[in-house]
C-alpha atoms as a PDB file:
ATOM      1  CA  UNK A   1       0.000   0.000   0.000  1.00  0.00           C
ATOM      2  CA  UNK A   2       1.239   3.440  -0.889  1.00  0.00           C
ATOM      3  CA  UNK A   3       1.115   6.421   1.467  1.00  0.00           C
ATOM      4  CA  UNK A   4      -1.260   8.338  -0.820  1.00  0.00           C
ATOM      5  CA  UNK A   5      -3.738   5.420  -0.678  1.00  0.00           C
ATOM      6  CA  UNK A   6      -3.951   5.767   3.088  1.00  0.00           C
ATOM      7  CA  UNK A   7      -4.364   9.534   2.856  1.00  0.00           C
ATOM      8  CA  UNK A   8      -7.173   9.298   0.304  1.00  0.00           C
ATOM      9  CA  UNK A   9      -9.031   6.662   2.317  1.00  0.00           C
ATOM     10  CA  UNK A  10      -8.966   8.874   5.380  1.00  0.00           C
ATOM     11  CA  UNK A  11      -9.715  12.228   3.790  1.00  0.00           C
ATOM     12  CA  UNK A  12     -12.479  11.028   1.499  1.00  0.00           C
ATOM     13  CA  UNK A  13     -14.343   8.965   4.079  1.00  0.00           C
ATOM     14  CA  UNK A  14     -17.167  11.491   4.484  1.00  0.00           C
ATOM     15  CA  UNK A  15     -17.102  12.923   0.935  1.00  0.00           C
ATOM     16  CA  UNK A  16     -18.603  11.794  -2.353  1.00  0.00           C
ATOM     17  CA  UNK A  17     -17.282  12.100  -5.899  1.00  0.00           C
ATOM     18  CA  UNK A  18     -19.357  12.345  -9.061  1.00  0.00           C
ATOM     19  CA  UNK A  19     -18.691  10.075 -12.026  1.00  0.00           C
ATOM     20  CA  UNK A  20     -16.652  12.785 -13.752  1.00  0.00           C
ATOM     21  CA  UNK A  21     -14.651  13.598 -10.607  1.00  0.00           C
ATOM     22  CA  UNK A  22     -14.003   9.907 -10.011  1.00  0.00           C
ATOM     23  CA  UNK A  23     -12.829   9.378 -13.593  1.00  0.00           C
ATOM     24  CA  UNK A  24     -10.465  12.353 -13.339  1.00  0.00           C
ATOM     25  CA  UNK A  25      -9.088  11.191  -9.977  1.00  0.00           C
ATOM     26  CA  UNK A  26      -8.415   7.705 -11.399  1.00  0.00           C
ATOM     27  CA  UNK A  27      -7.160   9.003 -14.747  1.00  0.00           C
ATOM     28  CA  UNK A  28      -9.706   6.895 -16.635  1.00  0.00           C
ATOM     29  CA  UNK A  29     -12.526   7.681 -19.029  1.00  0.00           C
ATOM     30  CA  UNK A  30     -16.040   7.854 -17.583  1.00  0.00           C
ATOM     31  CA  UNK A  31     -16.918   4.963 -19.935  1.00  0.00           C
ATOM     32  CA  UNK A  32     -14.423   2.750 -18.066  1.00  0.00           C
ATOM     33  CA  UNK A  33     -16.267   3.454 -14.827  1.00  0.00           C
ATOM     34  CA  UNK A  34     -19.687   2.888 -16.421  1.00  0.00           C
ATOM     35  CA  UNK A  35     -18.632  -0.499 -17.812  1.00  0.00           C
ATOM     36  CA  UNK A  36     -17.448  -1.542 -14.355  1.00  0.00           C
ATOM     37  CA  UNK A  37     -20.606  -0.179 -12.721  1.00  0.00           C
ATOM     38  CA  UNK A  38     -22.730  -2.144 -15.198  1.00  0.00           C
ATOM     39  CA  UNK A  39     -20.850  -5.293 -14.170  1.00  0.00           C
ATOM     40  CA  UNK A  40     -21.481  -4.566 -10.480  1.00  0.00           C
ATOM     41  CA  UNK A  41     -17.792  -4.188  -9.662  1.00  0.00           C
ATOM     42  CA  UNK A  42     -18.257  -1.123  -7.427  1.00  0.00           C
ATOM     43  CA  UNK A  43     -20.548  -2.292  -4.622  1.00  0.00           C
ATOM     44  CA  UNK A  44     -20.033   0.921  -2.641  1.00  0.00           C
ATOM     45  CA  UNK A  45     -21.177   3.244  -5.429  1.00  0.00           C
ATOM     46  CA  UNK A  46     -24.726   4.497  -5.416  1.00  0.00           C
ATOM     47  CA  UNK A  47     -26.975   6.350  -7.791  1.00  0.00           C
ATOM     48  CA  UNK A  48     -29.039   9.177  -6.334  1.00  0.00           C
ATOM     49  CA  UNK A  49     -31.581  10.737  -8.714  1.00  0.00           C
ATOM     50  CA  UNK A  50     -29.632   9.282 -11.639  1.00  0.00           C
ATOM     51  CA  UNK A  51     -26.292  10.749 -10.504  1.00  0.00           C
ATOM     52  CA  UNK A  52     -23.564   8.328  -9.480  1.00  0.00           C
ATOM     53  CA  UNK A  53     -21.783   8.972  -6.183  1.00  0.00           C
ATOM     54  CA  UNK A  54     -18.487   7.354  -5.192  1.00  0.00           C
ATOM     55  CA  UNK A  55     -16.870   7.198  -1.755  1.00  0.00           C
ATOM     56  CA  UNK A  56     -13.181   7.350  -0.909  1.00  0.00           C
ATOM     57  CA  UNK A  57     -13.189   3.548  -0.622  1.00  0.00           C
ATOM     58  CA  UNK A  58     -14.524   3.354  -4.196  1.00  0.00           C
ATOM     59  CA  UNK A  59     -11.742   5.669  -5.326  1.00  0.00           C
ATOM     60  CA  UNK A  60      -9.084   3.414  -3.833  1.00  0.00           C
ATOM     61  CA  UNK A  61     -10.801   0.353  -5.332  1.00  0.00           C
ATOM     62  CA  UNK A  62     -11.005   1.945  -8.798  1.00  0.00           C
ATOM     63  CA  UNK A  63      -7.348   2.925  -8.749  1.00  0.00           C
ATOM     64  CA  UNK A  64      -6.331  -0.566  -7.688  1.00  0.00           C
ATOM     65  CA  UNK A  65      -8.504  -2.188 -10.340  1.00  0.00           C
ATOM     66  CA  UNK A  66      -7.234   0.117 -13.074  1.00  0.00           C
ATOM     67  CA  UNK A  67      -3.614  -0.553 -12.067  1.00  0.00           C
ATOM     68  CA  UNK A  68      -4.206  -4.325 -12.129  1.00  0.00           C
ATOM     69  CA  UNK A  69      -5.910  -4.188 -15.499  1.00  0.00           C
ATOM     70  CA  UNK A  70      -3.152  -2.020 -16.958  1.00  0.00           C
ATOM     71  CA  UNK A  71      -0.096  -3.641 -15.358  1.00  0.00           C
ATOM     72  CA  UNK A  72      -1.156  -7.297 -15.580  1.00  0.00           C
ATOM     73  CA  UNK A  73      -3.646  -7.147 -18.448  1.00  0.00           C
ATOM     74  CA  UNK A  74      -6.231  -8.492 -16.007  1.00  0.00           C
ATOM     75  CA  UNK A  75      -9.876  -8.780 -16.977  1.00  0.00           C
ATOM     76  CA  UNK A  76     -12.150  -6.520 -14.884  1.00  0.00           C
ATOM     77  CA  UNK A  77     -13.628  -9.398 -12.879  1.00  0.00           C
ATOM     78  CA  UNK A  78     -10.173 -10.621 -11.832  1.00  0.00           C
ATOM     79  CA  UNK A  79      -9.074  -7.084 -10.953  1.00  0.00           C
ATOM     80  CA  UNK A  80     -12.216  -6.728  -8.797  1.00  0.00           C
ATOM     81  CA  UNK A  81     -11.493 -10.032  -7.036  1.00  0.00           C
ATOM     82  CA  UNK A  82      -7.936  -8.953  -6.243  1.00  0.00           C
ATOM     83  CA  UNK A  83      -9.247  -5.576  -5.061  1.00  0.00           C
ATOM     84  CA  UNK A  84     -11.661  -7.454  -2.756  1.00  0.00           C
ATOM     85  CA  UNK A  85      -8.765  -9.410  -1.266  1.00  0.00           C
ATOM     86  CA  UNK A  86      -6.645  -6.274  -0.826  1.00  0.00           C
ATOM     87  CA  UNK A  87      -9.551  -4.525   0.915  1.00  0.00           C
ATOM     88  CA  UNK A  88      -9.951  -7.505   3.237  1.00  0.00           C
ATOM     89  CA  UNK A  89      -6.218  -7.461   4.011  1.00  0.00           C
ATOM     90  CA  UNK A  90      -6.436  -3.730   4.795  1.00  0.00           C
ATOM     91  CA  UNK A  91      -9.310  -4.415   7.191  1.00  0.00           C
ATOM     92  CA  UNK A  92      -7.437  -7.237   8.907  1.00  0.00           C
ATOM     93  CA  UNK A  93      -4.337  -5.063   9.287  1.00  0.00           C
ATOM     94  CA  UNK A  94      -6.436  -2.311  10.839  1.00  0.00           C
ATOM     95  CA  UNK A  95      -7.997  -4.753  13.302  1.00  0.00           C
ATOM     96  CA  UNK A  96      -4.604  -6.231  14.145  1.00  0.00           C
ATOM     97  CA  UNK A  97      -3.110  -2.795  14.796  1.00  0.00           C
ATOM     98  CA  UNK A  98      -6.003  -1.890  17.113  1.00  0.00           C
ATOM     99  CA  UNK A  99      -5.674  -5.165  19.010  1.00  0.00           C
ATOM    100  CA  UNK A 100      -1.916  -4.760  19.421  1.00  0.00           C
ATOM    101  CA  UNK A 101      -2.392  -1.287  20.897  1.00  0.00           C
ATOM    102  CA  UNK A 102      -4.390  -2.756  23.664  1.00  0.00           C
END
């Protein structure tokens, strides 16, 4: 995990991004996001009055998925599965750090 991933996850926790903002933040085309939304690969995204909203967790997930697809020529479903596992590892690390603190 990179330092900027941690920063984004913390700062964006209470904020929402639009489809266009999300695409710009991930350096992808909005069509890339729409294809992945259509496949159900962003479970945390929601549509309110026809406008997509993305959380900070979705931003981290999208960046990870895009990197996996680009770097390893992974199909979107595989990139989403790996992103799921990385998210689970992040959660377990957070729990472990809280337990070790007492």
